[in-house]
């Protein structure tokens, strides 16, 4: 699980320690899902880029949620990536 691309490494160094932990967890979850489903990882750098972007998007969502209270009656839905229906117990 090494970063080899210079741009990805620069983006990694801009993250805080807690943000890095989130990104690592996303990458580990992706790798585990690929192994479980027998899928080869084509680009490790792309996985890191996507994980960093997911963390940024989640951080942005949290800031938006803090600033405004959601309307009553509209539940918050989160769609988890890399969780198959079998893993969730849906057949």
C-alpha atoms as a PDB file:
ATOM      1  CA  UNK A   1       0.000   0.000   0.000  1.00  0.00           C
ATOM      2  CA  UNK A   2       2.538   2.547  -1.134  1.00  0.00           C
ATOM      3  CA  UNK A   3       2.011   5.869  -2.880  1.00  0.00           C
ATOM      4  CA  UNK A   4       4.257   6.200  -5.908  1.00  0.00           C
ATOM      5  CA  UNK A   5       2.818   9.213  -7.759  1.00  0.00           C
ATOM      6  CA  UNK A   6       4.329  12.589  -6.811  1.00  0.00           C
ATOM      7  CA  UNK A   7       0.983  14.450  -7.013  1.00  0.00           C
ATOM      8  CA  UNK A   8      -0.747  11.872  -4.834  1.00  0.00           C
ATOM      9  CA  UNK A   9       2.102  12.075  -2.321  1.00  0.00           C
ATOM     10  CA  UNK A  10       1.769  15.877  -2.187  1.00  0.00           C
ATOM     11  CA  UNK A  11      -1.984  15.582  -1.586  1.00  0.00           C
ATOM     12  CA  UNK A  12      -1.264  13.017   1.151  1.00  0.00           C
ATOM     13  CA  UNK A  13       1.133  15.389   2.945  1.00  0.00           C
ATOM     14  CA  UNK A  14      -1.495  18.147   2.961  1.00  0.00           C
ATOM     15  CA  UNK A  15      -3.843  15.961   5.021  1.00  0.00           C
ATOM     16  CA  UNK A  16      -3.991  16.051   8.804  1.00  0.00           C
ATOM     17  CA  UNK A  17      -3.283  12.938  10.843  1.00  0.00           C
ATOM     18  CA  UNK A  18      -6.995  12.215  11.357  1.00  0.00           C
ATOM     19  CA  UNK A  19      -7.711  12.723   7.644  1.00  0.00           C
ATOM     20  CA  UNK A  20      -4.909  10.308   6.776  1.00  0.00           C
ATOM     21  CA  UNK A  21      -6.461   7.693   9.051  1.00  0.00           C
ATOM     22  CA  UNK A  22      -9.773   8.049   7.179  1.00  0.00           C
ATOM     23  CA  UNK A  23      -8.027   7.748   3.795  1.00  0.00           C
ATOM     24  CA  UNK A  24      -6.089   4.658   4.914  1.00  0.00           C
ATOM     25  CA  UNK A  25      -9.304   3.026   6.098  1.00  0.00           C
ATOM     26  CA  UNK A  26     -10.966   3.695   2.731  1.00  0.00           C
ATOM     27  CA  UNK A  27      -7.991   2.226   0.845  1.00  0.00           C
ATOM     28  CA  UNK A  28      -7.857  -0.861   3.081  1.00  0.00           C
ATOM     29  CA  UNK A  29     -11.601  -1.393   2.649  1.00  0.00           C
ATOM     30  CA  UNK A  30     -11.232  -1.123  -1.142  1.00  0.00           C
ATOM     31  CA  UNK A  31      -8.318  -3.578  -1.244  1.00  0.00           C
ATOM     32  CA  UNK A  32     -10.220  -6.040   0.954  1.00  0.00           C
ATOM     33  CA  UNK A  33     -13.277  -5.815  -1.311  1.00  0.00           C
ATOM     34  CA  UNK A  34     -11.111  -6.401  -4.395  1.00  0.00           C
ATOM     35  CA  UNK A  35      -9.488  -9.489  -2.822  1.00  0.00           C
ATOM     36  CA  UNK A  36     -12.847 -10.827  -1.658  1.00  0.00           C
ATOM     37  CA  UNK A  37     -14.344 -10.457  -5.139  1.00  0.00           C
ATOM     38  CA  UNK A  38     -11.257 -11.602  -7.061  1.00  0.00           C
ATOM     39  CA  UNK A  39     -10.709  -8.258  -8.796  1.00  0.00           C
ATOM     40  CA  UNK A  40      -7.197  -7.148  -9.713  1.00  0.00           C
ATOM     41  CA  UNK A  41      -6.234  -3.585  -8.796  1.00  0.00           C
ATOM     42  CA  UNK A  42      -5.145  -1.836 -11.967  1.00  0.00           C
ATOM     43  CA  UNK A  43      -3.852   1.424 -10.505  1.00  0.00           C
ATOM     44  CA  UNK A  44      -2.847   1.790  -6.869  1.00  0.00           C
ATOM     45  CA  UNK A  45      -2.370   5.535  -7.353  1.00  0.00           C
ATOM     46  CA  UNK A  46      -5.943   5.844  -8.609  1.00  0.00           C
ATOM     47  CA  UNK A  47      -7.205   4.112  -5.457  1.00  0.00           C
ATOM     48  CA  UNK A  48      -5.341   6.638  -3.290  1.00  0.00           C
ATOM     49  CA  UNK A  49      -6.618   9.577  -5.351  1.00  0.00           C
ATOM     50  CA  UNK A  50     -10.211   8.374  -5.018  1.00  0.00           C
ATOM     51  CA  UNK A  51      -9.804   7.786  -1.270  1.00  0.00           C
ATOM     52  CA  UNK A  52      -8.417  11.298  -0.728  1.00  0.00           C
ATOM     53  CA  UNK A  53     -11.275  12.735  -2.779  1.00  0.00           C
ATOM     54  CA  UNK A  54     -13.853  10.725  -0.797  1.00  0.00           C
ATOM     55  CA  UNK A  55     -12.426  12.076   2.453  1.00  0.00           C
ATOM     56  CA  UNK A  56     -12.621  15.645   1.129  1.00  0.00           C
ATOM     57  CA  UNK A  57     -16.210  15.144   0.012  1.00  0.00           C
ATOM     58  CA  UNK A  58     -17.196  13.692   3.391  1.00  0.00           C
ATOM     59  CA  UNK A  59     -15.511  16.609   5.165  1.00  0.00           C
ATOM     60  CA  UNK A  60     -17.454  19.033   2.970  1.00  0.00           C
ATOM     61  CA  UNK A  61     -20.719  17.233   3.725  1.00  0.00           C
ATOM     62  CA  UNK A  62     -20.051  17.444   7.455  1.00  0.00           C
ATOM     63  CA  UNK A  63     -19.450  21.205   7.230  1.00  0.00           C
ATOM     64  CA  UNK A  64     -22.666  21.675   5.258  1.00  0.00           C
ATOM     65  CA  UNK A  65     -24.612  19.629   7.809  1.00  0.00           C
ATOM     66  CA  UNK A  66     -23.187  21.653  10.680  1.00  0.00           C
ATOM     67  CA  UNK A  67     -24.179  24.958   9.051  1.00  0.00           C
ATOM     68  CA  UNK A  68     -27.777  24.106   8.276  1.00  0.00           C
ATOM     69  CA  UNK A  69     -30.211  21.783   9.954  1.00  0.00           C
ATOM     70  CA  UNK A  70     -31.866  19.333   7.549  1.00  0.00           C
ATOM     71  CA  UNK A  71     -35.582  19.669   6.995  1.00  0.00           C
ATOM     72  CA  UNK A  72     -37.724  17.529   9.230  1.00  0.00           C
ATOM     73  CA  UNK A  73     -39.160  14.484   7.546  1.00  0.00           C
ATOM     74  CA  UNK A  74     -36.216  13.996   5.178  1.00  0.00           C
ATOM     75  CA  UNK A  75     -33.929  11.263   6.501  1.00  0.00           C
ATOM     76  CA  UNK A  76     -30.200  11.452   5.912  1.00  0.00           C
ATOM     77  CA  UNK A  77     -29.052   8.631   3.648  1.00  0.00           C
ATOM     78  CA  UNK A  78     -25.462   7.505   3.305  1.00  0.00           C
ATOM     79  CA  UNK A  79     -24.468   5.169   0.499  1.00  0.00           C
ATOM     80  CA  UNK A  80     -21.472   3.070   1.494  1.00  0.00           C
ATOM     81  CA  UNK A  81     -19.011   2.241  -1.226  1.00  0.00           C
ATOM     82  CA  UNK A  82     -17.506  -1.215  -1.635  1.00  0.00           C
ATOM     83  CA  UNK A  83     -20.179  -2.998   0.400  1.00  0.00           C
ATOM     84  CA  UNK A  84     -21.800  -5.744  -1.651  1.00  0.00           C
ATOM     85  CA  UNK A  85     -25.418  -6.808  -1.145  1.00  0.00           C
ATOM     86  CA  UNK A  86     -24.140 -10.179   0.097  1.00  0.00           C
ATOM     87  CA  UNK A  87     -22.064  -8.407   2.787  1.00  0.00           C
ATOM     88  CA  UNK A  88     -25.138  -6.467   3.883  1.00  0.00           C
ATOM     89  CA  UNK A  89     -27.245  -9.650   4.038  1.00  0.00           C
ATOM     90  CA  UNK A  90     -29.429  -8.761   1.080  1.00  0.00           C
ATOM     91  CA  UNK A  91     -30.057 -11.750  -1.188  1.00  0.00           C
END
